[in-house]
Amino acid sequence: MVFKRRDRRAVGRIALDLIYPRGGWARAFEYVKHRVRRLPDTPQKISRGIWAGVFVCFTPLFGLHIVCALLIARVLRGNMLAAVMATFFGNPLTFPAVGYVSINLGSWLLGLPQGKNIHLGQKFADASYDLWHNFLAVFTTEKINWAGMQVFYNDVFFPYLVGGLVPGLITATAFYYLSVPVISAYQKRRKKALRAKLDQLNKKASSARSAEN
């Protein structure tokens, strides 16, 4: 099977690789770029898949980026595997900048008071606590309380969702127009190299048959 690993990784190793892959992020980016360029599809379809994967990285739908990228790629008739691999654009190196720009832009577009997006860590923690507390409340006598989640939605999630649309569209579109000529040129070079190799093999075969006769 394509991309299947021979050595199975432990859950801890998988989680660590998501934060910092073995070999570093530069090597990981190079690997993704290499795999995307060699996908067996047209440059336009591959680039539409890349558009979908990059765009979803500007949404706060963490944990659902791959699913969303696949859905968008399907609607755009883009390459599904390219969409999945392009979600690699969202990583611990880019998410801080993406989040900062998206939340601040969203707050400005929504007319929210300045300072609403401070203490993000605490708001994430309060939302996480609400989820866990309310889950346990289903099985205990504790009361369900969504106060922390409501603050998180109003001050972080919704501004992030709105603010990420503009930079997401701009960045994804830039990746599309940059990737089409790059992938097209790579595919042409690869076809030319394969054709030259095939011609060389045919010449060797013809020479061998001539020598036998």
Protein backbone atom coordinates (compact mmCIF):
# COMPACT_ATOMS: atom_id res chain seq x y z
CA MET A 1 0.00 0.00 0.00
CA VAL A 2 1.26 3.49 -0.86
CA PHE A 3 2.60 5.51 2.12
CA LYS A 4 2.17 2.52 4.49
CA ARG A 5 4.89 2.30 7.12
CA ARG A 6 6.79 -0.93 7.71
CA ASP A 7 7.45 -0.03 11.35
CA ARG A 8 4.40 0.82 13.41
CA ARG A 9 4.81 3.89 15.60
CA ALA A 10 3.64 4.08 19.19
CA VAL A 11 0.91 6.58 20.07
CA GLY A 12 3.40 8.72 21.98
CA ARG A 13 5.76 8.78 19.00
CA ILE A 14 2.92 9.87 16.70
CA ALA A 15 1.95 12.70 19.05
CA LEU A 16 5.56 13.84 19.34
CA ASP A 17 6.01 13.77 15.56
CA LEU A 18 3.02 16.08 15.18
CA ILE A 19 4.79 18.65 17.37
CA TYR A 20 8.31 18.13 16.06
CA PRO A 21 8.84 15.44 13.40
CA ARG A 22 12.05 13.44 13.33
CA GLY A 23 14.51 15.17 11.03
CA GLY A 24 13.00 18.60 11.72
CA TRP A 25 10.32 20.65 10.04
CA ALA A 26 12.52 21.57 7.05
CA ARG A 27 12.91 17.91 6.11
CA ALA A 28 9.21 17.29 6.70
CA PHE A 29 8.25 20.19 4.40
CA GLU A 30 10.61 18.86 1.74
CA TYR A 31 9.05 15.41 1.97
CA VAL A 32 5.50 16.79 1.60
CA LYS A 33 6.54 18.96 -1.36
CA HIS A 34 8.14 15.95 -3.05
CA ARG A 35 5.09 13.72 -2.54
CA VAL A 36 2.64 16.38 -3.76
CA ARG A 37 4.59 17.02 -6.96
CA ARG A 38 4.60 13.30 -7.82
CA LEU A 39 0.85 12.78 -7.42
CA PRO A 40 -0.64 11.16 -10.56
CA ASP A 41 -3.10 13.89 -11.49
CA THR A 42 -3.33 17.12 -13.47
CA PRO A 43 -1.58 20.21 -12.03
CA GLN A 44 -4.93 22.00 -11.77
CA LYS A 45 -6.60 19.23 -9.74
CA ILE A 46 -3.58 18.86 -7.47
CA SER A 47 -3.48 22.63 -6.92
CA ARG A 48 -7.19 22.72 -6.12
CA GLY A 49 -6.51 20.10 -3.47
CA ILE A 50 -3.67 22.24 -2.12
CA TRP A 51 -6.05 25.22 -2.04
CA ALA A 52 -8.49 23.26 0.11
CA GLY A 53 -5.84 22.03 2.54
CA VAL A 54 -4.23 25.44 3.04
CA PHE A 55 -7.55 27.23 3.42
CA VAL A 56 -8.85 25.04 6.26
CA CYS A 57 -5.67 25.76 8.24
CA PHE A 58 -7.06 29.27 8.79
CA THR A 59 -10.14 27.94 10.58
CA PRO A 60 -10.42 27.13 14.30
CA LEU A 61 -11.83 23.68 13.51
CA PHE A 62 -8.86 21.89 15.06
CA GLY A 63 -9.13 18.13 14.75
CA LEU A 64 -11.39 18.48 11.72
CA HIS A 65 -8.97 20.10 9.27
CA ILE A 66 -8.43 16.91 7.26
CA VAL A 67 -12.17 16.17 7.07
CA CYS A 68 -12.94 19.74 6.00
CA ALA A 69 -10.12 19.70 3.44
CA LEU A 70 -11.48 16.49 1.91
CA LEU A 71 -15.00 17.94 1.69
CA ILE A 72 -13.81 21.17 0.06
CA ALA A 73 -11.53 19.28 -2.34
CA ARG A 74 -14.46 17.08 -3.35
CA VAL A 75 -16.63 20.13 -4.07
CA LEU A 76 -13.81 21.76 -6.06
CA ARG A 77 -12.99 18.45 -7.80
CA GLY A 78 -9.46 18.69 -6.50
CA ASN A 79 -7.02 15.94 -5.62
CA MET A 80 -8.02 14.48 -2.25
CA LEU A 81 -4.54 13.33 -1.24
CA ALA A 82 -3.10 16.74 -2.08
CA ALA A 83 -5.75 18.31 0.16
CA VAL A 84 -4.78 16.07 3.08
CA MET A 85 -1.07 16.72 2.64
CA ALA A 86 -1.62 20.49 2.29
CA THR A 87 -3.13 20.60 5.79
CA PHE A 88 0.50 20.19 6.84
CA PHE A 89 0.65 23.96 6.30
CA GLY A 90 -1.00 24.18 9.70
CA ASN A 91 1.62 23.19 12.27
CA PRO A 92 3.10 24.47 15.53
CA LEU A 93 5.31 26.88 13.55
CA THR A 94 2.49 28.56 11.63
CA PHE A 95 -0.50 28.30 13.98
CA PRO A 96 0.62 31.09 16.37
CA ALA A 97 0.87 33.60 13.51
CA VAL A 98 -2.31 32.34 11.82
CA GLY A 99 -4.25 32.48 15.09
CA TYR A 100 -2.97 35.93 16.01
CA VAL A 101 -3.86 37.45 12.62
CA SER A 102 -7.23 35.68 12.37
CA ILE A 103 -8.44 36.52 15.89
CA ASN A 104 -7.37 40.16 15.70
CA LEU A 105 -8.84 40.64 12.24
CA GLY A 106 -12.05 38.89 13.26
CA SER A 107 -12.36 41.02 16.40
CA TRP A 108 -11.93 44.16 14.30
CA LEU A 109 -14.48 43.04 11.69
CA LEU A 110 -17.01 42.16 14.39
CA GLY A 111 -16.43 45.43 16.24
CA LEU A 112 -15.41 43.72 19.46
CA PRO A 113 -13.79 45.84 22.19
CA GLN A 114 -10.01 45.88 22.20
CA GLY A 115 -8.43 43.42 24.60
CA LYS A 116 -11.07 40.73 24.08
CA ASN A 117 -8.47 38.35 22.69
CA ILE A 118 -6.06 38.49 25.61
CA HIS A 119 -5.56 35.61 28.06
CA LEU A 120 -6.12 33.08 25.27
CA GLY A 121 -4.49 30.30 27.26
CA GLN A 122 -6.91 30.79 30.14
CA LYS A 123 -9.90 30.84 27.80
CA PHE A 124 -8.79 27.61 26.15
CA ALA A 125 -8.33 26.08 29.59
CA ASP A 126 -11.77 27.23 30.78
CA ALA A 127 -13.43 25.81 27.65
CA SER A 128 -11.62 22.50 28.08
CA TYR A 129 -12.65 22.39 31.74
CA ASP A 130 -16.30 22.98 30.78
CA LEU A 131 -16.22 20.09 28.31
CA TRP A 132 -14.74 17.69 30.84
CA HIS A 133 -16.89 18.91 33.77
CA ASN A 134 -20.13 18.71 31.78
CA PHE A 135 -19.24 15.25 30.50
CA LEU A 136 -18.82 14.06 34.08
CA ALA A 137 -22.00 15.88 35.10
CA VAL A 138 -24.00 13.52 32.92
CA PHE A 139 -23.05 10.69 35.31
CA THR A 140 -23.09 12.67 38.58
CA THR A 141 -25.21 15.23 40.43
CA GLU A 142 -23.03 18.15 39.29
CA LYS A 143 -24.74 20.95 37.37
CA ILE A 144 -23.86 21.58 33.74
CA ASN A 145 -22.23 24.98 33.20
CA TRP A 146 -21.18 26.38 29.80
CA ALA A 147 -19.92 29.79 31.01
CA GLY A 148 -16.29 29.18 30.04
CA MET A 149 -17.28 27.71 26.68
CA GLN A 150 -19.51 30.70 25.94
CA VAL A 151 -16.69 33.14 26.66
CA PHE A 152 -14.37 31.07 24.48
CA TYR A 153 -16.88 31.05 21.61
CA ASN A 154 -17.56 34.79 21.77
CA ASP A 155 -13.97 35.98 22.31
CA VAL A 156 -11.91 33.35 20.45
CA PHE A 157 -13.73 30.84 18.24
CA PHE A 158 -16.14 33.12 16.36
CA PRO A 159 -13.61 35.95 15.78
CA TYR A 160 -11.08 33.32 14.66
CA LEU A 161 -13.64 31.79 12.26
CA VAL A 162 -14.59 35.16 10.73
CA GLY A 163 -11.09 36.62 10.69
CA GLY A 164 -9.52 33.56 9.12
CA LEU A 165 -11.63 33.78 5.96
CA VAL A 166 -9.77 36.69 4.35
CA PRO A 167 -6.14 35.60 4.99
CA GLY A 168 -7.20 32.00 4.28
CA LEU A 169 -8.61 32.90 0.86
CA ILE A 170 -5.59 35.04 0.00
CA THR A 171 -2.99 32.47 1.13
CA ALA A 172 -4.77 29.47 -0.42
CA THR A 173 -5.23 31.29 -3.73
CA ALA A 174 -1.57 32.31 -3.76
CA PHE A 175 -0.57 28.67 -3.19
CA TYR A 176 -2.85 27.61 -6.04
CA TYR A 177 -1.37 29.99 -8.60
CA LEU A 178 2.18 29.23 -7.48
CA SER A 179 1.75 25.47 -7.48
CA VAL A 180 0.12 25.06 -10.92
CA PRO A 181 3.21 26.12 -12.96
CA VAL A 182 5.63 24.41 -10.56
CA ILE A 183 3.80 21.07 -10.70
CA SER A 184 3.28 21.40 -14.45
CA ALA A 185 6.99 22.03 -15.07
CA TYR A 186 7.96 19.14 -12.78
CA GLN A 187 5.61 16.72 -14.54
CA LYS A 188 6.94 17.74 -17.95
CA ARG A 189 10.55 17.23 -16.83
CA ARG A 190 9.67 13.86 -15.33
CA LYS A 191 7.86 12.71 -18.48
CA LYS A 192 10.80 13.84 -20.58
CA ALA A 193 13.25 11.95 -18.35
CA LEU A 194 11.11 8.80 -18.44
CA ARG A 195 10.77 9.04 -22.22
CA ALA A 196 14.54 9.43 -22.61
CA LYS A 197 15.12 6.42 -20.37
CA LEU A 198 12.60 4.38 -22.34
CA ASP A 199 14.24 5.35 -25.64
CA GLN A 200 17.61 4.32 -24.22
CA LEU A 201 16.25 0.92 -23.18
CA ASN A 202 14.68 0.45 -26.62
CA LYS A 203 18.00 1.26 -28.29
CA LYS A 204 19.80 -1.26 -26.09
CA ALA A 205 17.20 -3.89 -26.92
CA SER A 206 17.50 -3.16 -30.65
CA SER A 207 21.28 -3.39 -30.46
CA ALA A 208 21.05 -6.70 -28.63
CA ARG A 209 18.70 -8.14 -31.27
CA SER A 210 20.97 -6.89 -34.07
CA ALA A 211 23.99 -8.55 -32.43
CA GLU A 212 22.12 -11.85 -32.17
CA ASN A 213 21.24 -11.75 -35.89
